Protein backbone atom coordinates (compact mmCIF):
# COMPACT_ATOMS: atom_id res chain seq x y z
CA MET A 1 99.70 94.31 125.07
CA ILE A 2 96.19 95.78 125.07
CA ASN A 3 95.90 99.39 126.18
CA SER A 4 92.96 99.05 128.60
CA ASP A 5 92.08 102.71 128.20
CA ILE A 6 91.06 102.22 124.56
CA SER A 7 90.00 98.56 124.34
CA ARG A 8 86.51 98.60 122.88
CA ARG A 9 85.58 95.51 124.89
CA THR A 10 86.54 97.29 128.11
CA LEU A 11 84.71 100.46 127.16
CA VAL A 12 81.52 98.61 126.32
CA LYS A 13 81.59 96.54 129.49
CA ARG A 14 82.17 99.57 131.68
CA GLY A 15 79.62 101.67 129.82
CA ALA A 16 82.17 104.44 129.77
CA ILE A 17 81.48 105.77 126.32
CA ALA A 18 78.72 105.74 123.70
CA SER A 19 79.23 104.45 120.20
CA ALA A 20 79.32 108.01 118.86
CA GLY A 21 82.14 108.69 121.26
CA LEU A 22 84.07 105.75 119.87
CA GLY A 23 83.92 107.37 116.44
CA ALA A 24 85.33 110.55 117.91
CA LEU A 25 88.01 108.52 119.69
CA ARG A 26 89.23 107.17 116.35
CA LEU A 27 89.45 110.67 114.97
CA ALA A 28 91.54 111.80 117.93
CA ALA A 29 94.69 109.88 116.99
CA PRO A 30 93.85 106.75 119.03
CA VAL A 31 96.31 104.13 120.20
CA TYR A 32 95.51 100.83 118.51
CA ALA A 33 96.05 97.39 119.93
CA VAL A 34 98.29 96.44 117.03
CA GLN A 35 100.49 99.53 117.24
CA THR A 36 104.05 98.56 117.99
CA PRO A 37 104.94 100.06 121.39
CA VAL A 38 107.76 102.59 121.48
CA GLY A 39 111.03 100.76 122.01
CA ALA A 40 109.57 97.40 121.00
CA ASP A 41 110.71 95.30 118.03
CA VAL A 42 108.72 93.54 115.33
CA ILE A 43 110.13 90.07 114.67
CA PRO A 44 109.94 89.49 110.89
CA TRP A 45 108.17 86.38 109.67
CA LEU A 46 110.43 83.73 108.19
CA ASP A 47 107.92 82.88 105.47
CA GLN A 48 107.93 86.09 103.46
CA PRO A 49 105.85 86.21 100.24
CA GLU A 50 107.63 85.42 97.00
CA PRO A 51 108.46 88.30 94.62
CA ASN A 52 105.38 89.64 92.86
CA PRO A 53 105.57 88.60 89.17
CA VAL A 54 102.54 90.71 88.10
CA PRO A 55 103.12 94.26 89.42
CA ASP A 56 100.83 95.69 86.73
CA VAL A 57 97.96 93.68 88.23
CA ILE A 58 98.84 93.51 91.92
CA VAL A 59 99.98 97.11 92.16
CA ARG A 60 100.18 97.38 95.94
CA GLN A 61 99.79 95.07 98.93
CA LEU A 62 99.40 95.46 102.68
CA GLU A 63 102.64 94.71 104.55
CA TRP A 64 101.47 92.82 107.60
CA GLU A 65 104.41 93.62 109.86
CA GLN A 66 103.67 97.32 109.35
CA LEU A 67 100.00 97.07 110.34
CA ASP A 68 99.57 99.83 112.94
CA GLN A 69 96.18 101.43 112.24
CA TRP A 70 92.61 100.17 112.24
CA THR A 71 91.88 102.30 109.18
CA THR A 72 94.41 101.49 106.47
CA PRO A 73 96.13 104.66 105.20
CA THR A 74 95.03 105.34 101.64
CA ASP A 75 98.57 105.21 100.26
CA GLN A 76 99.02 101.75 101.82
CA PHE A 77 95.70 100.29 100.69
CA PHE A 78 96.08 97.32 98.35
CA VAL A 79 95.40 97.91 94.65
CA ILE A 80 94.38 95.41 91.97
CA LYS A 81 94.19 96.61 88.36
CA HIS A 82 92.97 94.20 85.69
CA PHE A 83 93.27 96.47 82.66
CA ASN A 84 94.48 100.04 82.22
CA GLU A 85 94.27 102.83 84.79
CA PRO A 86 91.68 105.31 83.46
CA GLN A 87 92.40 109.02 83.84
CA LEU A 88 88.94 110.53 84.20
CA ALA A 89 88.28 114.26 84.55
CA GLU A 90 85.22 115.36 86.50
CA ALA A 91 84.24 117.83 83.78
CA ASP A 92 84.03 115.06 81.16
CA TRP A 93 82.69 112.26 83.37
CA SER A 94 79.11 111.18 83.96
CA LEU A 95 77.27 108.16 85.33
CA ALA A 96 74.57 106.64 83.15
CA LEU A 97 71.71 104.61 84.65
CA SER A 98 70.09 102.71 81.80
CA GLY A 99 68.55 99.46 80.68
CA LEU A 100 65.23 98.20 81.99
CA VAL A 101 64.30 101.37 83.86
CA ASN A 102 61.36 103.70 83.36
CA THR A 103 63.46 106.84 83.77
CA PRO A 104 67.02 106.59 82.41
CA MET A 105 69.42 109.04 84.05
CA THR A 106 72.73 110.72 83.39
CA LEU A 107 74.34 112.21 86.48
CA SER A 108 77.40 114.39 86.98
CA LEU A 109 79.60 114.04 90.02
CA ALA A 110 78.00 117.21 91.39
CA ASP A 111 74.57 115.60 90.98
CA ILE A 112 75.73 112.58 92.96
CA LYS A 113 77.35 114.67 95.69
CA ALA A 114 74.12 116.67 96.03
CA ARG A 115 72.30 113.50 97.07
CA PRO A 116 72.20 112.21 100.68
CA ARG A 117 75.69 111.28 101.92
CA GLU A 118 76.43 108.19 104.00
CA GLU A 119 79.57 106.47 105.29
CA VAL A 120 80.49 102.84 105.82
CA THR A 121 83.70 101.36 107.20
CA PHE A 122 84.33 98.23 105.20
CA THR A 123 87.26 95.83 105.00
CA ILE A 124 87.76 94.86 101.36
CA GLU A 125 89.65 91.67 100.52
CA CYS A 126 90.63 90.43 97.09
CA SER A 127 89.24 86.92 96.63
CA GLY A 128 92.70 85.79 95.45
CA ASN A 129 94.39 86.94 98.65
CA THR A 130 96.60 84.22 100.25
CA GLY A 131 95.74 81.88 97.38
CA LEU A 132 99.05 82.60 95.66
CA PRO A 133 102.58 82.45 97.15
CA PHE A 134 103.26 86.09 96.22
CA PHE A 135 99.93 87.57 97.30
CA HIS A 136 99.37 87.80 101.05
CA GLY A 137 98.40 91.45 101.47
CA GLY A 138 95.23 91.86 99.40
CA VAL A 139 93.11 93.29 102.21
CA GLY A 140 92.53 96.71 103.74
CA ASN A 141 90.06 98.63 105.89
CA ALA A 142 88.76 102.08 104.93
CA THR A 143 85.88 104.44 105.62
CA TRP A 144 84.04 105.07 102.36
CA ALA A 145 81.57 107.89 101.76
CA GLY A 146 79.04 108.44 99.01
CA THR A 147 75.36 108.21 98.25
CA PRO A 148 73.28 105.03 98.68
CA LEU A 149 72.62 103.08 95.49
CA ALA A 150 69.13 101.77 96.31
CA PRO A 151 67.27 105.13 96.26
CA LEU A 152 68.75 105.90 92.84
CA LEU A 153 67.48 102.59 91.46
CA GLU A 154 64.09 103.25 93.00
CA GLU A 155 63.90 106.70 91.39
CA ALA A 156 64.81 105.23 88.00
CA GLY A 157 61.94 102.76 88.35
CA ILE A 158 62.95 99.17 87.64
CA MET A 159 60.76 97.48 85.04
CA GLU A 160 59.10 94.22 86.02
CA GLU A 161 61.44 92.10 83.90
CA GLY A 162 64.58 93.73 85.38
CA ILE A 163 66.31 91.22 87.64
CA GLU A 164 70.07 91.91 87.29
CA VAL A 165 72.17 95.08 87.73
CA VAL A 166 75.47 95.44 85.83
CA PHE A 167 78.18 97.85 86.96
CA TRP A 168 80.50 99.01 84.17
CA GLY A 169 83.97 100.46 84.74
CA ALA A 170 85.98 102.71 82.43
CA ASP A 171 88.95 100.33 82.47
CA ALA A 172 89.20 98.07 79.43
CA GLY A 173 91.52 95.58 77.77
CA GLU A 174 91.75 92.88 75.16
CA GLN A 175 90.23 89.47 75.79
CA THR A 176 90.27 86.42 73.53
CA TRP A 177 87.07 84.40 73.17
CA GLY A 178 87.48 81.46 70.79
CA HIS A 179 88.93 82.93 67.60
CA ALA A 180 87.87 86.50 68.36
CA THR A 181 89.90 89.15 70.18
CA ILE A 182 87.73 91.90 71.63
CA THR A 183 88.16 95.00 73.77
CA GLU A 184 86.12 94.44 76.92
CA HIS A 185 85.33 96.84 79.74
CA PHE A 186 85.57 95.60 83.30
CA ALA A 187 82.06 94.81 84.52
CA ARG A 188 80.39 92.85 87.27
CA SER A 189 76.73 92.25 88.06
CA MET A 190 74.57 91.24 91.01
CA SER A 191 70.91 90.44 91.42
CA LEU A 192 68.47 93.31 91.82
CA GLU A 193 67.80 92.12 95.37
CA ASP A 194 71.52 92.32 96.21
CA ALA A 195 71.90 95.69 94.50
CA MET A 196 69.06 97.11 96.63
CA ASN A 197 70.98 96.40 99.85
CA PRO A 198 70.92 99.72 101.75
CA ALA A 199 74.62 99.34 102.64
CA ASN A 200 75.72 99.69 98.98
CA LEU A 201 77.24 103.06 98.19
CA LEU A 202 78.28 104.99 95.11
CA ALA A 203 81.46 106.20 96.77
CA TYR A 204 83.47 109.31 95.98
CA GLU A 205 85.48 109.55 99.22
CA MET A 206 87.97 107.27 100.94
CA ASN A 207 89.14 107.93 104.50
CA GLY A 208 87.72 111.44 104.46
CA GLU A 209 89.37 112.54 101.23
CA GLU A 210 88.62 112.50 97.52
CA LEU A 211 88.75 109.00 96.07
CA PRO A 212 92.29 108.45 94.72
CA ASN A 213 92.65 107.55 91.07
CA LEU A 214 94.04 104.07 91.73
CA ASN A 215 91.06 103.38 93.98
CA GLY A 216 88.49 104.32 91.35
CA TYR A 217 88.17 108.11 90.96
CA PRO A 218 85.75 109.72 90.52
CA LEU A 219 83.20 107.08 91.57
CA ARG A 220 83.18 103.43 92.53
CA LEU A 221 80.77 100.89 93.92
CA ILE A 222 81.22 99.91 97.54
CA ALA A 223 79.30 96.70 98.30
CA PRO A 224 79.95 95.70 101.93
CA GLY A 225 80.11 91.95 102.40
CA TRP A 226 81.39 91.26 98.87
CA TYR A 227 84.90 90.41 97.71
CA GLY A 228 86.86 93.23 96.10
CA VAL A 229 86.10 92.24 92.50
CA ALA A 230 82.44 93.19 92.98
CA ASN A 231 83.34 96.71 94.15
CA VAL A 232 83.70 98.11 90.64
CA LYS A 233 86.09 101.06 90.22
CA TRP A 234 85.98 103.95 87.71
CA LEU A 235 82.24 103.47 87.48
CA THR A 236 80.61 104.94 84.35
CA ARG A 237 77.37 103.02 83.81
CA ILE A 238 74.78 101.05 85.76
CA GLU A 239 72.54 98.89 83.60
CA VAL A 240 69.47 96.88 84.57
CA ARG A 241 68.99 93.64 82.59
CA ASP A 242 66.60 90.70 82.45
CA SER A 243 69.34 88.05 82.74
CA ARG A 244 72.70 87.42 84.36
CA TYR A 245 75.57 89.29 82.72
CA GLN A 246 78.14 86.79 81.41
CA GLY A 247 81.25 88.91 80.86
CA HIS A 248 84.82 87.77 81.44
CA PHE A 249 84.86 88.53 85.18
CA MET A 250 81.54 86.79 85.74
CA ALA A 251 81.73 83.66 83.60
CA ARG A 252 85.42 82.91 82.99
CA ASP A 253 87.49 84.58 85.68
CA TYR A 254 86.81 84.85 89.42
CA VAL A 255 85.13 81.45 89.28
CA THR A 256 85.91 78.88 91.98
CA MET A 257 86.15 75.30 90.75
CA ARG A 258 85.89 72.40 93.15
CA GLU A 259 85.20 68.68 93.20
CA GLU A 260 82.17 67.55 95.18
CA GLN A 261 80.87 64.09 96.00
CA ILE A 262 77.24 63.58 94.98
CA ASP A 263 75.80 60.08 95.46
CA ASP A 264 79.35 58.66 95.63
CA GLU A 265 80.23 60.29 92.31
CA ALA A 266 82.82 63.01 91.81
CA VAL A 267 81.19 66.07 90.27
CA TRP A 268 83.04 69.26 89.31
CA THR A 269 81.28 72.53 90.08
CA ARG A 270 82.04 76.15 89.20
CA MET A 271 80.74 78.94 91.40
CA LEU A 272 81.02 82.69 90.95
CA VAL A 273 83.16 84.51 93.52
CA ALA A 274 80.77 86.78 95.38
CA HIS A 275 80.43 87.26 99.14
CA ASP A 276 83.26 87.50 101.68
CA ARG A 277 84.31 84.44 103.65
CA LEU A 278 85.31 84.38 107.30
CA LYS A 279 89.04 84.86 107.75
CA SER A 280 91.82 85.91 110.13
CA ALA A 281 95.57 86.37 109.92
CA PRO A 282 98.48 86.82 112.33
CA ALA A 283 99.94 90.23 111.47
CA LYS A 284 103.12 90.39 113.51
CA VAL A 285 105.03 89.20 116.56
CA VAL A 286 106.28 91.97 118.84
CA ARG A 287 109.04 91.80 121.45
CA GLU A 288 108.85 94.34 124.28
CA GLY A 289 111.59 93.86 126.85
CA ASN A 290 111.60 90.14 127.62
CA GLY A 291 107.97 89.59 126.63
CA TYR A 292 106.34 88.67 123.33
CA SER A 293 102.86 89.21 121.91
CA VAL A 294 101.12 88.26 118.68
CA MET A 295 98.86 90.74 116.93
CA GLY A 296 96.46 90.23 114.03
CA ALA A 297 93.12 90.90 112.37
CA ALA A 298 89.91 89.03 111.52
CA TRP A 299 87.22 89.93 108.99
CA GLY A 300 84.60 88.62 106.56
CA ALA A 301 81.73 88.53 109.08
CA PRO A 302 80.89 89.99 112.50
CA ILE A 303 83.53 88.38 114.71
CA ALA A 304 82.73 86.64 118.00
CA LYS A 305 86.24 85.43 118.85
CA VAL A 306 89.68 84.70 117.46
CA GLU A 307 91.88 81.86 118.69
CA ILE A 308 95.57 81.20 118.25
CA SER A 309 97.60 77.99 118.14
CA ILE A 310 101.36 77.98 118.75
CA ASP A 311 103.33 75.12 117.20
CA GLY A 312 100.13 73.20 116.46
CA GLY A 313 99.08 73.16 120.11
CA GLU A 314 95.73 73.82 121.77
CA TRP A 315 93.66 76.75 120.55
CA GLU A 316 93.71 79.68 122.97
CA GLU A 317 91.44 82.71 122.82
CA THR A 318 92.91 86.10 122.02
CA THR A 319 91.72 89.52 123.18
CA LEU A 320 89.61 91.48 120.69
CA SER A 321 90.08 95.23 120.58
CA GLU A 322 89.53 97.89 117.91
CA GLY A 323 86.67 97.01 115.59
CA GLU A 324 84.88 94.62 117.94
CA GLY A 325 81.18 94.71 117.17
CA GLU A 326 81.63 96.12 113.66
CA GLU A 327 79.49 94.53 110.93
CA HIS A 328 81.64 95.12 107.86
CA ALA A 329 85.09 96.06 109.22
CA TRP A 330 87.91 93.94 110.54
CA VAL A 331 88.65 93.33 114.21
CA PHE A 332 92.10 93.56 115.75
CA TRP A 333 93.22 90.93 118.22
CA THR A 334 96.24 90.36 120.46
CA TYR A 335 97.70 87.42 122.35
CA ASP A 336 100.13 87.63 125.27
CA TRP A 337 102.68 84.94 124.37
CA ALA A 338 103.74 84.12 127.93
CA SER A 339 105.30 80.76 127.01
CA ALA A 340 107.51 82.16 124.24
CA ALA A 341 110.88 80.40 124.07
CA PRO A 342 113.90 80.79 121.80
CA GLY A 343 113.77 78.91 118.52
CA GLU A 344 111.53 78.59 115.47
CA HIS A 345 107.77 78.49 115.99
CA THR A 346 104.54 78.38 113.97
CA VAL A 347 101.67 80.74 114.69
CA SER A 348 98.15 79.94 113.43
CA SER A 349 94.87 81.79 113.93
CA ARG A 350 91.20 81.01 113.38
CA ALA A 351 88.13 83.22 113.67
CA THR A 352 84.60 82.39 114.76
CA ASP A 353 81.70 84.62 113.73
CA ILE A 354 78.62 85.52 115.77
CA ASP A 355 76.64 82.71 114.10
CA GLY A 356 79.16 80.11 115.28
CA ASN A 357 80.87 79.54 111.93
CA VAL A 358 84.57 78.71 112.32
CA GLN A 359 87.32 79.60 109.87
CA PRO A 360 88.25 76.23 108.34
CA ALA A 361 91.60 74.52 108.18
CA PRO A 362 93.11 74.60 104.66
CA ASP A 363 91.88 71.07 103.92
CA GLU A 364 88.40 71.30 105.46
CA GLY A 365 84.92 72.20 104.27
CA HIS A 366 84.55 73.98 100.94
CA LEU A 367 88.35 74.19 100.67
CA ALA A 368 88.90 70.43 100.53
CA GLY A 369 88.10 69.90 96.87
CA LYS A 370 88.92 73.38 95.60
CA THR A 371 91.44 73.56 92.75
CA THR A 372 91.41 77.31 92.05
CA TYR A 373 93.08 79.89 94.28
CA TRP A 374 90.01 82.11 94.77
CA GLU A 375 88.28 82.27 98.18
CA SER A 376 91.23 80.80 100.10
CA ASN A 377 90.02 81.56 103.61
CA GLY A 378 91.70 78.66 105.39
CA GLN A 379 93.53 79.15 108.67
CA ILE A 380 96.82 80.96 108.08
CA THR A 381 100.03 79.71 109.67
CA ARG A 382 103.15 81.87 109.84
CA ARG A 383 106.68 80.97 110.94
CA VAL A 384 108.84 83.05 113.24
CA GLU A 385 112.17 82.62 115.02
CA LEU A 386 112.69 83.99 118.53
CA MET A 387 116.17 84.66 119.82
């Protein structure tokens, strides 16, 4: 079901258009490979997610059968909210850069917008996505705009002992530690080396418009290649420290626990959720006339190929389209299901990145001994019934 006029693979091979032209093509209301053709029907999956029991936390999810655009519309982008939803006014808001720096700073939003502006298209996934029976849509792709973080840190002048950068959000809530109940702000940290990545942005725009409140207005961190938890919203302070920050979302929550075998002994390890993992998902099955196709997405690394398995059979390669060649954004893929027959079927997908890494089965690799639901990037299987 690929439209050969807009397939990125076709365009690149034919040399018909430059990369700048592809950007313009997206702006000109393009036809995407996953768009449901006029007159076609989307066959709903049989295995729908369970009702969401925590709507105050998982505020909004992507609905896979409705996936029709490479850039996720802002009002459809998934939202996770751990504490309250801050209501910040630009006139009262500022960003503090403090800690082990030679020149502490306090910047208004106007100060930040006056700095060099850059964009990055980045697919953010919550590290808990698909790890829970009611959470299958914690992923979305957007174009974020703001100013690079690294030059700001350089201007502040990091002291020699500064090795860790903490990002503080305005959202806060009560946490219990032992016998004490405290009010704790959401915060995450990363090493100075990671923070200096030139791709990191202090973002104030999403999909060409002002950052919506639920997505972190007026400013948030965008850290391409990291799970959503690291992309701190409602940013108010950046602090440089001489040790790893050990707040709730670094030391207690968003920690993956697994059993490993070391010298024939079972050892339990706990690792902080950090960088994205390679993943793909079937989005929908479409019937057009008497023919069927499967459409989906892959993300977490630059994608080399995506394969599909029907009813546990041989893996067959799909056709990559919009997003092929992107570093931080997802890739759409389609599969012409020529052998489709009436009855119930399973549809599985697996992605391979440009370094040859393959999305694991749910019981392989780092997933085998994992007991927590974070970082569940195993191959996803959906069920569908064809009439």
